Amino acid sequence: MFTGIVEELGEIAEIETLRDAARLSIRGKVVTGDAGHGDSIAVNGVCLTVVDVEGEVFTADVMKETLDRSSLGALSPGSRVNLERAVRADQRLGGHIVQGHVDGTGVLLAREPDEHWEVVRISLPAGLGRYVVEKGSIAVDGVSLTVVGVDDEGFSVSLIPTTLRLTTLGAKQPGDPVNLEVDVIAKHVERLVNAYAPGNGS
């Protein structure tokens, strides 16, 4: 489990393309400090398992399903990525519950800079809109954010200077894809409610 509080901006060092997968080598000084084989690290919001660590670079395998459902397939050597280690049980939950299981990709539609922050609009894939509510939480490229507005086309979030400076969202431009993970609690509630809805035989 993650919290959506990015620990550092990493960099794709190398990509090995396999028949139905890819092996990513990712440079990150902070997350490799105590990383070992089998540990979980979120890369742009995608939970990956550490295969090997050499110095400040860790390696992870990415299966075709993940490449198809996330923006990781669009990365190239030199790409910057948000990195977060799995949360420990004794840590504060600074953001919200993030699984690292991407629900889909959106597209950054517009940026509206202000004096102290930026409002960013992002599209929503079909079927995810019902889980996104004003003042609710959403993970965008692994960053825990609060929704400030939502409509039929997508949603908007406000980015403070720290988020702009320390995550990939500061450099994203209109047209760029982003990984989205909606609130897992909302999905569980929906399934439970539907199970007891009239006509379901419950």
C-alpha atoms as a PDB file:
ATOM      1  CA  MET A   1       0.000   0.000   0.000  1.00  0.00           C
ATOM      2  CA  PHE A   2       1.062   3.597  -0.696  1.00  0.00           C
ATOM      3  CA  THR A   3      -0.153   7.015   0.406  1.00  0.00           C
ATOM      4  CA  GLY A   4       0.405   9.106  -2.717  1.00  0.00           C
ATOM      5  CA  ILE A   5       3.146  11.194  -1.102  1.00  0.00           C
ATOM      6  CA  VAL A   6       5.956  11.134  -3.664  1.00  0.00           C
ATOM      7  CA  GLU A   7       9.379  10.661  -2.111  1.00  0.00           C
ATOM      8  CA  GLU A   8      11.521  11.696  -5.050  1.00  0.00           C
ATOM      9  CA  LEU A   9      11.683  12.312  -8.768  1.00  0.00           C
ATOM     10  CA  GLY A  10      13.504   9.378 -10.321  1.00  0.00           C
ATOM     11  CA  GLU A  11      14.734   8.759 -13.829  1.00  0.00           C
ATOM     12  CA  ILE A  12      14.407   5.888 -16.273  1.00  0.00           C
ATOM     13  CA  ALA A  13      17.960   4.647 -16.774  1.00  0.00           C
ATOM     14  CA  GLU A  14      17.267   1.814 -19.214  1.00  0.00           C
ATOM     15  CA  ILE A  15      14.390  -0.095 -20.802  1.00  0.00           C
ATOM     16  CA  GLU A  16      14.730  -3.669 -22.005  1.00  0.00           C
ATOM     17  CA  THR A  17      11.863  -4.610 -24.318  1.00  0.00           C
ATOM     18  CA  LEU A  18      10.770  -8.229 -24.014  1.00  0.00           C
ATOM     19  CA  ARG A  19       8.273 -10.229 -26.092  1.00  0.00           C
ATOM     20  CA  ASP A  20       5.255  -9.493 -23.898  1.00  0.00           C
ATOM     21  CA  ALA A  21       6.764  -7.344 -21.154  1.00  0.00           C
ATOM     22  CA  ALA A  22       9.485  -4.825 -20.363  1.00  0.00           C
ATOM     23  CA  ARG A  23      12.241  -4.562 -17.772  1.00  0.00           C
ATOM     24  CA  LEU A  24      12.743  -1.059 -16.399  1.00  0.00           C
ATOM     25  CA  SER A  25      15.904   0.151 -14.699  1.00  0.00           C
ATOM     26  CA  ILE A  26      15.079   3.214 -12.616  1.00  0.00           C
ATOM     27  CA  ARG A  27      17.441   5.583 -10.832  1.00  0.00           C
ATOM     28  CA  GLY A  28      16.328   6.850  -7.428  1.00  0.00           C
ATOM     29  CA  LYS A  29      18.695   7.652  -4.578  1.00  0.00           C
ATOM     30  CA  VAL A  30      16.064   7.774  -1.823  1.00  0.00           C
ATOM     31  CA  VAL A  31      13.979   4.704  -2.666  1.00  0.00           C
ATOM     32  CA  THR A  32      17.027   2.492  -3.231  1.00  0.00           C
ATOM     33  CA  GLY A  33      18.479   3.443   0.142  1.00  0.00           C
ATOM     34  CA  ASP A  34      16.853   0.455   1.835  1.00  0.00           C
ATOM     35  CA  ALA A  35      15.324  -1.393  -1.130  1.00  0.00           C
ATOM     36  CA  GLY A  36      15.759  -5.109  -1.631  1.00  0.00           C
ATOM     37  CA  HIS A  37      14.538  -7.924  -3.835  1.00  0.00           C
ATOM     38  CA  GLY A  38      10.741  -8.267  -3.605  1.00  0.00           C
ATOM     39  CA  ASP A  39      10.056  -4.795  -2.214  1.00  0.00           C
ATOM     40  CA  SER A  40       7.282  -2.676  -3.716  1.00  0.00           C
ATOM     41  CA  ILE A  41       7.941   0.753  -5.233  1.00  0.00           C
ATOM     42  CA  ALA A  42       5.307   2.863  -6.982  1.00  0.00           C
ATOM     43  CA  VAL A  43       6.504   4.291 -10.300  1.00  0.00           C
ATOM     44  CA  ASN A  44       4.143   7.015 -11.538  1.00  0.00           C
ATOM     45  CA  GLY A  45       1.513   5.368  -9.376  1.00  0.00           C
ATOM     46  CA  VAL A  46       2.098   1.815 -10.611  1.00  0.00           C
ATOM     47  CA  CYS A  47       3.145  -0.717  -7.972  1.00  0.00           C
ATOM     48  CA  LEU A  48       6.243  -2.533  -9.234  1.00  0.00           C
ATOM     49  CA  THR A  49       8.264  -5.282  -7.556  1.00  0.00           C
ATOM     50  CA  VAL A  50      11.996  -4.781  -7.174  1.00  0.00           C
ATOM     51  CA  VAL A  51      13.948  -7.503  -8.967  1.00  0.00           C
ATOM     52  CA  ASP A  52      17.455  -6.174  -8.355  1.00  0.00           C
ATOM     53  CA  VAL A  53      19.252  -3.162  -6.893  1.00  0.00           C
ATOM     54  CA  GLU A  54      22.636  -1.848  -7.987  1.00  0.00           C
ATOM     55  CA  GLY A  55      23.716   1.346  -6.291  1.00  0.00           C
ATOM     56  CA  GLU A  56      21.019   3.954  -6.921  1.00  0.00           C
ATOM     57  CA  VAL A  57      19.292   1.939  -9.675  1.00  0.00           C
ATOM     58  CA  PHE A  58      16.599  -0.686  -9.180  1.00  0.00           C
ATOM     59  CA  THR A  59      15.157  -3.010 -11.782  1.00  0.00           C
ATOM     60  CA  ALA A  60      11.515  -4.066 -12.139  1.00  0.00           C
ATOM     61  CA  ASP A  61       9.592  -6.205 -14.616  1.00  0.00           C
ATOM     62  CA  VAL A  62       6.414  -4.781 -16.164  1.00  0.00           C
ATOM     63  CA  MET A  63       3.940  -7.207 -17.735  1.00  0.00           C
ATOM     64  CA  LYS A  64       1.902  -6.459 -20.867  1.00  0.00           C
ATOM     65  CA  GLU A  65      -1.305  -5.880 -18.862  1.00  0.00           C
ATOM     66  CA  THR A  66       0.395  -3.055 -16.959  1.00  0.00           C
ATOM     67  CA  LEU A  67       1.916  -1.565 -20.105  1.00  0.00           C
ATOM     68  CA  ASP A  68      -1.528  -1.597 -21.774  1.00  0.00           C
ATOM     69  CA  ARG A  69      -3.424  -0.096 -18.831  1.00  0.00           C
ATOM     70  CA  SER A  70      -0.935   2.568 -17.762  1.00  0.00           C
ATOM     71  CA  SER A  71       1.342   5.207 -19.258  1.00  0.00           C
ATOM     72  CA  LEU A  72       4.521   3.243 -18.426  1.00  0.00           C
ATOM     73  CA  GLY A  73       4.687   2.007 -22.009  1.00  0.00           C
ATOM     74  CA  ALA A  74       5.271   5.587 -23.177  1.00  0.00           C
ATOM     75  CA  LEU A  75       8.388   6.064 -21.049  1.00  0.00           C
ATOM     76  CA  SER A  76      11.884   6.212 -22.509  1.00  0.00           C
ATOM     77  CA  PRO A  77      15.396   6.472 -21.052  1.00  0.00           C
ATOM     78  CA  GLY A  78      15.711   9.860 -19.361  1.00  0.00           C
ATOM     79  CA  SER A  79      12.002  10.147 -18.527  1.00  0.00           C
ATOM     80  CA  ARG A  80      11.351  11.482 -15.031  1.00  0.00           C
ATOM     81  CA  VAL A  81       9.069   9.424 -12.798  1.00  0.00           C
ATOM     82  CA  ASN A  82       7.422   9.789  -9.397  1.00  0.00           C
ATOM     83  CA  LEU A  83       8.738   7.276  -6.873  1.00  0.00           C
ATOM     84  CA  GLU A  84       7.288   6.135  -3.549  1.00  0.00           C
ATOM     85  CA  ARG A  85       8.175   3.149  -1.374  1.00  0.00           C
ATOM     86  CA  ALA A  86       5.396   1.091   0.179  1.00  0.00           C
ATOM     87  CA  VAL A  87       4.207   2.596   3.469  1.00  0.00           C
ATOM     88  CA  ARG A  88       5.234   0.960   6.729  1.00  0.00           C
ATOM     89  CA  ALA A  89       2.629   0.156   9.391  1.00  0.00           C
ATOM     90  CA  ASP A  90       4.196   2.685  11.793  1.00  0.00           C
ATOM     91  CA  GLN A  91       4.061   5.621   9.338  1.00  0.00           C
ATOM     92  CA  ARG A  92       1.526   8.437   9.125  1.00  0.00           C
ATOM     93  CA  LEU A  93      -0.971   8.147   6.280  1.00  0.00           C
ATOM     94  CA  GLY A  94      -0.175  11.530   4.786  1.00  0.00           C
ATOM     95  CA  GLY A  95      -2.243  11.212   1.624  1.00  0.00           C
ATOM     96  CA  HIS A  96      -4.907   8.542   1.128  1.00  0.00           C
ATOM     97  CA  ILE A  97      -5.005   4.779   0.566  1.00  0.00           C
ATOM     98  CA  VAL A  98      -3.314   4.117  -2.781  1.00  0.00           C
ATOM     99  CA  GLN A  99      -2.867   0.545  -4.005  1.00  0.00           C
ATOM    100  CA  GLY A 100      -0.687   1.200  -7.010  1.00  0.00           C
ATOM    101  CA  HIS A 101      -3.276  -0.519  -9.224  1.00  0.00           C
ATOM    102  CA  VAL A 102      -3.991   1.919 -12.045  1.00  0.00           C
ATOM    103  CA  ASP A 103      -7.651   2.116 -13.091  1.00  0.00           C
ATOM    104  CA  GLY A 104      -6.942   3.859 -16.374  1.00  0.00           C
ATOM    105  CA  THR A 105      -5.149   6.736 -18.031  1.00  0.00           C
ATOM    106  CA  GLY A 106      -6.362  10.276 -18.454  1.00  0.00           C
ATOM    107  CA  VAL A 107      -5.009  13.131 -20.543  1.00  0.00           C
ATOM    108  CA  LEU A 108      -3.949  16.488 -19.177  1.00  0.00           C
ATOM    109  CA  LEU A 109      -6.356  18.933 -20.833  1.00  0.00           C
ATOM    110  CA  ALA A 110      -5.275  22.340 -19.567  1.00  0.00           C
ATOM    111  CA  ARG A 111      -3.171  24.211 -17.033  1.00  0.00           C
ATOM    112  CA  GLU A 112      -4.314  27.465 -15.437  1.00  0.00           C
ATOM    113  CA  PRO A 113      -1.420  29.093 -13.549  1.00  0.00           C
ATOM    114  CA  ASP A 114      -2.097  31.423 -10.643  1.00  0.00           C
ATOM    115  CA  GLU A 115       0.237  33.336  -8.361  1.00  0.00           C
ATOM    116  CA  HIS A 116       0.743  30.530  -5.845  1.00  0.00           C
ATOM    117  CA  TRP A 117      -0.674  27.381  -7.480  1.00  0.00           C
ATOM    118  CA  GLU A 118      -1.944  25.904 -10.727  1.00  0.00           C
ATOM    119  CA  VAL A 119      -5.316  24.405 -11.547  1.00  0.00           C
ATOM    120  CA  VAL A 120      -4.921  21.386 -13.828  1.00  0.00           C
ATOM    121  CA  ARG A 121      -7.762  19.749 -15.768  1.00  0.00           C
ATOM    122  CA  ILE A 122      -7.569  16.051 -16.615  1.00  0.00           C
ATOM    123  CA  SER A 123      -9.876  13.846 -18.693  1.00  0.00           C
ATOM    124  CA  LEU A 124     -11.551  10.770 -17.227  1.00  0.00           C
ATOM    125  CA  PRO A 125     -11.840   7.390 -18.996  1.00  0.00           C
ATOM    126  CA  ALA A 126     -15.354   6.064 -19.440  1.00  0.00           C
ATOM    127  CA  GLY A 127     -16.632   4.336 -16.337  1.00  0.00           C
ATOM    128  CA  LEU A 128     -14.433   6.116 -13.794  1.00  0.00           C
ATOM    129  CA  GLY A 129     -16.431   9.321 -13.427  1.00  0.00           C
ATOM    130  CA  ARG A 130     -18.810   7.848 -10.856  1.00  0.00           C
ATOM    131  CA  TYR A 131     -15.902   7.333  -8.419  1.00  0.00           C
ATOM    132  CA  VAL A 132     -14.653  10.928  -8.624  1.00  0.00           C
ATOM    133  CA  VAL A 133     -16.334  13.517  -6.410  1.00  0.00           C
ATOM    134  CA  GLU A 134     -15.589  17.090  -5.430  1.00  0.00           C
ATOM    135  CA  LYS A 135     -13.291  17.178  -2.368  1.00  0.00           C
ATOM    136  CA  GLY A 136     -12.628  13.469  -2.771  1.00  0.00           C
ATOM    137  CA  SER A 137      -9.211  11.897  -3.325  1.00  0.00           C
ATOM    138  CA  ILE A 138      -7.608  10.646  -6.525  1.00  0.00           C
ATOM    139  CA  ALA A 139      -4.074   9.540  -7.394  1.00  0.00           C
ATOM    140  CA  VAL A 140      -2.611  11.135 -10.531  1.00  0.00           C
ATOM    141  CA  ASP A 141       0.702   9.565 -11.572  1.00  0.00           C
ATOM    142  CA  GLY A 142       0.877   8.325  -8.001  1.00  0.00           C
ATOM    143  CA  VAL A 143       0.326  11.752  -6.423  1.00  0.00           C
ATOM    144  CA  SER A 144      -2.480  11.965  -3.856  1.00  0.00           C
ATOM    145  CA  LEU A 145      -4.626  14.946  -4.828  1.00  0.00           C
ATOM    146  CA  THR A 146      -7.948  16.473  -3.790  1.00  0.00           C
ATOM    147  CA  VAL A 147     -10.535  16.938  -6.532  1.00  0.00           C
ATOM    148  CA  VAL A 148     -11.658  20.575  -6.734  1.00  0.00           C
ATOM    149  CA  GLY A 149     -14.164  20.132  -9.531  1.00  0.00           C
ATOM    150  CA  VAL A 150     -15.642  17.426 -11.733  1.00  0.00           C
ATOM    151  CA  ASP A 151     -17.892  17.412 -14.814  1.00  0.00           C
ATOM    152  CA  ASP A 152     -18.736  15.179 -17.766  1.00  0.00           C
ATOM    153  CA  GLU A 153     -15.375  15.816 -19.458  1.00  0.00           C
ATOM    154  CA  GLY A 154     -13.063  15.259 -16.502  1.00  0.00           C
ATOM    155  CA  PHE A 155     -11.918  16.754 -13.236  1.00  0.00           C
ATOM    156  CA  SER A 156      -9.635  19.466 -11.934  1.00  0.00           C
ATOM    157  CA  VAL A 157      -7.056  19.574  -9.143  1.00  0.00           C
ATOM    158  CA  SER A 158      -5.014  22.378  -7.609  1.00  0.00           C
ATOM    159  CA  LEU A 159      -1.252  21.897  -7.464  1.00  0.00           C
ATOM    160  CA  ILE A 160       0.731  23.696  -4.775  1.00  0.00           C
ATOM    161  CA  PRO A 161       4.336  24.819  -5.424  1.00  0.00           C
ATOM    162  CA  THR A 162       5.766  21.760  -3.627  1.00  0.00           C
ATOM    163  CA  THR A 163       3.838  19.387  -5.912  1.00  0.00           C
ATOM    164  CA  LEU A 164       4.840  21.375  -8.991  1.00  0.00           C
ATOM    165  CA  ARG A 165       8.496  21.294  -7.983  1.00  0.00           C
ATOM    166  CA  LEU A 166       8.884  17.764  -6.632  1.00  0.00           C
ATOM    167  CA  THR A 167       6.704  15.649  -8.960  1.00  0.00           C
ATOM    168  CA  THR A 168       6.303  15.046 -12.682  1.00  0.00           C
ATOM    169  CA  LEU A 169       3.053  17.035 -12.641  1.00  0.00           C
ATOM    170  CA  GLY A 170       5.027  20.267 -12.705  1.00  0.00           C
ATOM    171  CA  ALA A 171       6.307  19.511 -16.203  1.00  0.00           C
ATOM    172  CA  LYS A 172       3.292  17.747 -17.759  1.00  0.00           C
ATOM    173  CA  GLN A 173       1.780  19.550 -20.727  1.00  0.00           C
ATOM    174  CA  PRO A 174      -1.656  19.394 -22.388  1.00  0.00           C
ATOM    175  CA  GLY A 175      -1.927  16.126 -24.293  1.00  0.00           C
ATOM    176  CA  ASP A 176       0.339  14.191 -21.930  1.00  0.00           C
ATOM    177  CA  PRO A 177      -1.089  10.950 -20.455  1.00  0.00           C
ATOM    178  CA  VAL A 178      -1.337  10.404 -16.708  1.00  0.00           C
ATOM    179  CA  ASN A 179      -2.091   7.315 -14.631  1.00  0.00           C
ATOM    180  CA  LEU A 180      -5.270   7.467 -12.567  1.00  0.00           C
ATOM    181  CA  GLU A 181      -6.289   5.466  -9.521  1.00  0.00           C
ATOM    182  CA  VAL A 182      -9.666   6.269  -8.002  1.00  0.00           C
ATOM    183  CA  ASP A 183     -10.589   5.784  -4.357  1.00  0.00           C
ATOM    184  CA  VAL A 184     -10.656   2.035  -3.661  1.00  0.00           C
ATOM    185  CA  ILE A 185     -13.157   2.563  -0.828  1.00  0.00           C
ATOM    186  CA  ALA A 186     -15.672   3.992  -3.314  1.00  0.00           C
ATOM    187  CA  LYS A 187     -15.316   0.895  -5.508  1.00  0.00           C
ATOM    188  CA  HIS A 188     -15.873  -1.471  -2.586  1.00  0.00           C
ATOM    189  CA  VAL A 189     -18.910   0.478  -1.365  1.00  0.00           C
ATOM    190  CA  GLU A 190     -20.441   0.390  -4.847  1.00  0.00           C
ATOM    191  CA  ARG A 191     -20.003  -3.376  -5.095  1.00  0.00           C
ATOM    192  CA  LEU A 192     -21.489  -3.977  -1.644  1.00  0.00           C
ATOM    193  CA  VAL A 193     -24.483  -1.713  -2.303  1.00  0.00           C
ATOM    194  CA  ASN A 194     -25.142  -3.357  -5.677  1.00  0.00           C
ATOM    195  CA  ALA A 195     -25.072  -6.786  -4.069  1.00  0.00           C
ATOM    196  CA  TYR A 196     -28.033  -5.816  -1.879  1.00  0.00           C
ATOM    197  CA  ALA A 197     -29.940  -3.834  -4.493  1.00  0.00           C
ATOM    198  CA  PRO A 198     -33.494  -4.995  -5.298  1.00  0.00           C
ATOM    199  CA  GLY A 199     -33.541  -7.670  -7.950  1.00  0.00           C
ATOM    200  CA  ASN A 200     -30.145  -9.125  -7.122  1.00  0.00           C
ATOM    201  CA  GLY A 201     -31.617 -11.944  -5.053  1.00  0.00           C
ATOM    202  CA  SER A 202     -29.978 -10.831  -1.814  1.00  0.00           C
END
